[in-house]
Amino acid sequence: MVALTRDGERVRFTVRVTPRASANALSGERDGVLLVRVTAPPADGAANAAVIALLAKSLALPPTAVRIERGGAGRVKRISVPANAAARLEHVLK
């Protein structure tokens, strides 16, 4: 199960990104971390933008509601979404 941390108005979780994948997808969980595959390359923030877009679409949120809190330059990122999306997040992660 992906580890979720509730902090006030935000819910935080960790993702591990695989850039240049064959398709954009949430591909499961490993050691409490959500695995995310995106087709975008890791250059010029393209993979970060693709991660935000994929998570926003999966959670029915506007892209501006999904934030990369830490790890913008690495594969492992700390993501936050509004607390009111926690139920949708838990449903998507099942």
N, C-alpha and C. Protein backbone atom coordinates (compact mmCIF):
# COMPACT_ATOMS: atom_id res chain seq x y z
N MET A 1 0.84 -1.19 0.00
CA MET A 1 0.00 0.00 0.00
C MET A 1 0.88 1.25 0.00
N VAL A 2 0.52 2.22 -0.80
CA VAL A 2 1.25 3.48 -0.88
C VAL A 2 1.05 4.24 0.42
N ALA A 3 2.15 4.72 0.98
CA ALA A 3 2.09 5.47 2.24
C ALA A 3 1.58 6.88 1.99
N LEU A 4 0.47 7.23 2.62
CA LEU A 4 -0.12 8.57 2.51
C LEU A 4 0.08 9.30 3.82
N THR A 5 0.46 10.58 3.73
CA THR A 5 0.63 11.43 4.90
C THR A 5 -0.31 12.61 4.77
N ARG A 6 -1.19 12.75 5.73
CA ARG A 6 -2.12 13.90 5.72
C ARG A 6 -1.50 15.01 6.55
N ASP A 7 -1.47 16.20 5.97
CA ASP A 7 -0.89 17.35 6.65
C ASP A 7 -1.78 18.57 6.37
N GLY A 8 -2.70 18.83 7.25
CA GLY A 8 -3.59 19.98 7.05
C GLY A 8 -4.46 19.80 5.83
N GLU A 9 -4.27 20.66 4.86
CA GLU A 9 -5.10 20.67 3.66
C GLU A 9 -4.52 19.86 2.51
N ARG A 10 -3.40 19.16 2.73
CA ARG A 10 -2.74 18.39 1.66
C ARG A 10 -2.52 16.94 2.09
N VAL A 11 -2.47 16.06 1.10
CA VAL A 11 -2.09 14.66 1.30
C VAL A 11 -0.82 14.46 0.49
N ARG A 12 0.19 13.87 1.13
CA ARG A 12 1.48 13.68 0.47
C ARG A 12 1.78 12.19 0.30
N PHE A 13 2.46 11.88 -0.80
CA PHE A 13 2.89 10.51 -1.07
C PHE A 13 4.10 10.56 -1.98
N THR A 14 4.79 9.44 -2.10
CA THR A 14 6.02 9.37 -2.88
C THR A 14 5.77 8.57 -4.15
N VAL A 15 6.36 9.04 -5.25
CA VAL A 15 6.29 8.31 -6.52
C VAL A 15 7.71 8.04 -7.04
N ARG A 16 7.85 6.97 -7.78
CA ARG A 16 9.09 6.70 -8.51
C ARG A 16 8.73 6.72 -9.98
N VAL A 17 9.40 7.60 -10.73
CA VAL A 17 9.06 7.85 -12.12
C VAL A 17 10.00 7.09 -13.06
N THR A 18 9.40 6.47 -14.07
CA THR A 18 10.17 5.86 -15.16
C THR A 18 9.88 6.68 -16.41
N PRO A 19 10.83 7.54 -16.83
CA PRO A 19 10.62 8.33 -18.05
C PRO A 19 10.85 7.47 -19.29
N ARG A 20 10.41 7.98 -20.43
CA ARG A 20 10.57 7.31 -21.73
C ARG A 20 9.96 5.91 -21.74
N ALA A 21 8.85 5.74 -21.05
CA ALA A 21 8.14 4.46 -21.05
C ALA A 21 7.31 4.35 -22.32
N SER A 22 6.77 3.19 -22.56
CA SER A 22 5.97 3.00 -23.78
C SER A 22 4.57 3.61 -23.66
N ALA A 23 4.11 3.85 -22.42
CA ALA A 23 2.79 4.45 -22.21
C ALA A 23 2.78 5.16 -20.87
N ASN A 24 1.90 6.15 -20.74
CA ASN A 24 1.70 6.83 -19.46
C ASN A 24 0.78 5.94 -18.61
N ALA A 25 1.24 5.61 -17.39
CA ALA A 25 0.43 4.73 -16.56
C ALA A 25 0.88 4.76 -15.11
N LEU A 26 -0.07 4.53 -14.20
CA LEU A 26 0.25 4.24 -12.82
C LEU A 26 0.44 2.73 -12.80
N SER A 27 1.64 2.29 -12.45
CA SER A 27 1.94 0.87 -12.64
C SER A 27 2.16 0.10 -11.35
N GLY A 28 1.46 0.50 -10.30
CA GLY A 28 1.53 -0.29 -9.09
C GLY A 28 2.27 0.39 -7.96
N GLU A 29 2.71 -0.45 -7.03
CA GLU A 29 3.35 0.05 -5.81
C GLU A 29 4.50 -0.87 -5.45
N ARG A 30 5.54 -0.27 -4.91
CA ARG A 30 6.67 -1.05 -4.40
C ARG A 30 7.21 -0.34 -3.16
N ASP A 31 7.24 -1.04 -2.05
CA ASP A 31 7.78 -0.51 -0.79
C ASP A 31 7.15 0.81 -0.38
N GLY A 32 5.84 0.94 -0.56
CA GLY A 32 5.13 2.15 -0.15
C GLY A 32 5.24 3.31 -1.11
N VAL A 33 5.79 3.07 -2.30
CA VAL A 33 6.00 4.12 -3.30
C VAL A 33 5.17 3.79 -4.54
N LEU A 34 4.45 4.78 -5.06
CA LEU A 34 3.66 4.61 -6.28
C LEU A 34 4.59 4.65 -7.49
N LEU A 35 4.47 3.66 -8.36
CA LEU A 35 5.27 3.61 -9.57
C LEU A 35 4.51 4.28 -10.71
N VAL A 36 5.16 5.25 -11.35
CA VAL A 36 4.54 6.03 -12.42
C VAL A 36 5.41 5.94 -13.65
N ARG A 37 4.80 5.58 -14.78
CA ARG A 37 5.52 5.50 -16.06
C ARG A 37 5.00 6.61 -16.97
N VAL A 38 5.93 7.36 -17.57
CA VAL A 38 5.55 8.42 -18.50
C VAL A 38 6.37 8.31 -19.77
N THR A 39 5.79 8.71 -20.88
CA THR A 39 6.48 8.62 -22.16
C THR A 39 7.47 9.76 -22.36
N ALA A 40 7.33 10.83 -21.61
CA ALA A 40 8.17 12.02 -21.77
C ALA A 40 9.60 11.75 -21.32
N PRO A 41 10.56 12.42 -21.96
CA PRO A 41 11.95 12.31 -21.51
C PRO A 41 12.18 13.15 -20.26
N PRO A 42 13.24 12.88 -19.52
CA PRO A 42 13.48 13.63 -18.28
C PRO A 42 14.13 15.00 -18.50
N ALA A 43 14.14 15.49 -19.72
CA ALA A 43 14.79 16.77 -20.01
C ALA A 43 13.80 17.92 -19.96
N ASP A 44 14.27 19.07 -19.52
CA ASP A 44 13.50 20.32 -19.53
C ASP A 44 12.17 20.23 -18.79
N GLY A 45 12.09 19.37 -17.79
CA GLY A 45 10.87 19.27 -16.99
C GLY A 45 9.72 18.55 -17.66
N ALA A 46 9.97 17.93 -18.81
CA ALA A 46 8.89 17.26 -19.54
C ALA A 46 8.32 16.09 -18.75
N ALA A 47 9.17 15.30 -18.10
CA ALA A 47 8.68 14.16 -17.32
C ALA A 47 7.88 14.65 -16.11
N ASN A 48 8.34 15.72 -15.47
CA ASN A 48 7.59 16.27 -14.33
C ASN A 48 6.20 16.72 -14.77
N ALA A 49 6.13 17.40 -15.89
CA ALA A 49 4.84 17.86 -16.41
C ALA A 49 3.93 16.67 -16.73
N ALA A 50 4.52 15.61 -17.28
CA ALA A 50 3.73 14.42 -17.61
C ALA A 50 3.23 13.72 -16.36
N VAL A 51 4.05 13.68 -15.31
CA VAL A 51 3.63 13.08 -14.04
C VAL A 51 2.45 13.87 -13.46
N ILE A 52 2.57 15.18 -13.45
CA ILE A 52 1.50 16.03 -12.93
C ILE A 52 0.22 15.82 -13.74
N ALA A 53 0.34 15.79 -15.06
CA ALA A 53 -0.84 15.61 -15.92
C ALA A 53 -1.48 14.25 -15.68
N LEU A 54 -0.69 13.20 -15.57
CA LEU A 54 -1.22 11.85 -15.36
C LEU A 54 -1.93 11.74 -14.01
N LEU A 55 -1.30 12.25 -12.96
CA LEU A 55 -1.92 12.20 -11.64
C LEU A 55 -3.20 13.04 -11.59
N ALA A 56 -3.16 14.22 -12.20
CA ALA A 56 -4.34 15.08 -12.23
C ALA A 56 -5.50 14.38 -12.95
N LYS A 57 -5.22 13.77 -14.07
CA LYS A 57 -6.26 13.07 -14.82
C LYS A 57 -6.79 11.88 -14.02
N SER A 58 -5.90 11.12 -13.41
CA SER A 58 -6.30 9.93 -12.65
C SER A 58 -7.16 10.29 -11.44
N LEU A 59 -6.91 11.46 -10.86
CA LEU A 59 -7.62 11.88 -9.65
C LEU A 59 -8.74 12.88 -9.93
N ALA A 60 -8.98 13.18 -11.19
CA ALA A 60 -10.01 14.14 -11.60
C ALA A 60 -9.78 15.50 -10.93
N LEU A 61 -8.53 15.95 -10.98
CA LEU A 61 -8.14 17.24 -10.41
C LEU A 61 -7.58 18.13 -11.51
N PRO A 62 -7.61 19.44 -11.31
CA PRO A 62 -6.90 20.31 -12.25
C PRO A 62 -5.39 20.12 -12.03
N PRO A 63 -4.59 20.23 -13.07
CA PRO A 63 -3.14 20.04 -12.92
C PRO A 63 -2.51 20.96 -11.87
N THR A 64 -3.09 22.14 -11.66
CA THR A 64 -2.52 23.05 -10.67
C THR A 64 -2.69 22.56 -9.24
N ALA A 65 -3.56 21.57 -9.02
CA ALA A 65 -3.78 21.04 -7.67
C ALA A 65 -2.75 19.99 -7.28
N VAL A 66 -2.00 19.48 -8.27
CA VAL A 66 -0.97 18.47 -8.02
C VAL A 66 0.38 19.17 -7.95
N ARG A 67 1.10 18.97 -6.86
CA ARG A 67 2.38 19.65 -6.68
C ARG A 67 3.52 18.65 -6.46
N ILE A 68 4.66 18.94 -7.05
CA ILE A 68 5.88 18.20 -6.73
C ILE A 68 6.55 18.97 -5.61
N GLU A 69 6.55 18.39 -4.41
CA GLU A 69 7.10 19.06 -3.23
C GLU A 69 8.62 18.90 -3.15
N ARG A 70 9.10 17.71 -3.49
CA ARG A 70 10.55 17.43 -3.46
C ARG A 70 10.89 16.49 -4.60
N GLY A 71 12.15 16.54 -5.03
CA GLY A 71 12.64 15.58 -6.01
C GLY A 71 12.38 15.95 -7.44
N GLY A 72 12.26 17.22 -7.74
CA GLY A 72 11.99 17.66 -9.10
C GLY A 72 13.04 17.22 -10.11
N ALA A 73 14.27 16.99 -9.68
CA ALA A 73 15.33 16.61 -10.60
C ALA A 73 15.66 15.12 -10.54
N GLY A 74 14.96 14.37 -9.70
CA GLY A 74 15.26 12.94 -9.56
C GLY A 74 14.07 12.08 -9.94
N ARG A 75 14.28 10.76 -9.89
CA ARG A 75 13.20 9.83 -10.21
C ARG A 75 12.20 9.69 -9.07
N VAL A 76 12.69 9.82 -7.83
CA VAL A 76 11.80 9.70 -6.67
C VAL A 76 11.34 11.10 -6.28
N LYS A 77 10.03 11.28 -6.23
CA LYS A 77 9.44 12.60 -5.99
C LYS A 77 8.41 12.52 -4.87
N ARG A 78 8.31 13.59 -4.11
CA ARG A 78 7.27 13.72 -3.08
C ARG A 78 6.18 14.59 -3.67
N ILE A 79 4.98 14.04 -3.78
CA ILE A 79 3.85 14.70 -4.43
C ILE A 79 2.81 15.07 -3.37
N SER A 80 2.11 16.18 -3.56
CA SER A 80 0.99 16.51 -2.68
C SER A 80 -0.22 16.88 -3.53
N VAL A 81 -1.39 16.52 -2.98
CA VAL A 81 -2.67 16.83 -3.60
C VAL A 81 -3.59 17.35 -2.50
N PRO A 82 -4.67 18.04 -2.85
CA PRO A 82 -5.59 18.53 -1.82
C PRO A 82 -6.17 17.37 -1.00
N ALA A 83 -6.41 17.62 0.27
CA ALA A 83 -6.93 16.59 1.17
C ALA A 83 -8.28 16.06 0.71
N ASN A 84 -9.08 16.89 0.04
CA ASN A 84 -10.38 16.41 -0.42
C ASN A 84 -10.28 15.37 -1.54
N ALA A 85 -9.09 15.16 -2.08
CA ALA A 85 -8.86 14.14 -3.11
C ALA A 85 -8.36 12.83 -2.51
N ALA A 86 -8.27 12.76 -1.19
CA ALA A 86 -7.72 11.56 -0.53
C ALA A 86 -8.53 10.31 -0.85
N ALA A 87 -9.84 10.41 -0.85
CA ALA A 87 -10.68 9.24 -1.13
C ALA A 87 -10.46 8.75 -2.57
N ARG A 88 -10.39 9.68 -3.52
CA ARG A 88 -10.14 9.30 -4.91
C ARG A 88 -8.76 8.69 -5.05
N LEU A 89 -7.78 9.24 -4.33
CA LEU A 89 -6.42 8.72 -4.37
C LEU A 89 -6.38 7.29 -3.84
N GLU A 90 -7.02 7.05 -2.72
CA GLU A 90 -7.03 5.71 -2.16
C GLU A 90 -7.74 4.73 -3.11
N HIS A 91 -8.79 5.19 -3.79
CA HIS A 91 -9.50 4.33 -4.75
C HIS A 91 -8.60 4.01 -5.94
N VAL A 92 -7.88 4.98 -6.45
CA VAL A 92 -6.99 4.78 -7.59
C VAL A 92 -5.84 3.84 -7.22
N LEU A 93 -5.39 3.91 -5.99
CA LEU A 93 -4.24 3.12 -5.55
C LEU A 93 -4.59 1.67 -5.26
N LYS A 94 -5.87 1.33 -5.20
CA LYS A 94 -6.26 -0.06 -4.90
C LYS A 94 -6.01 -0.97 -6.07
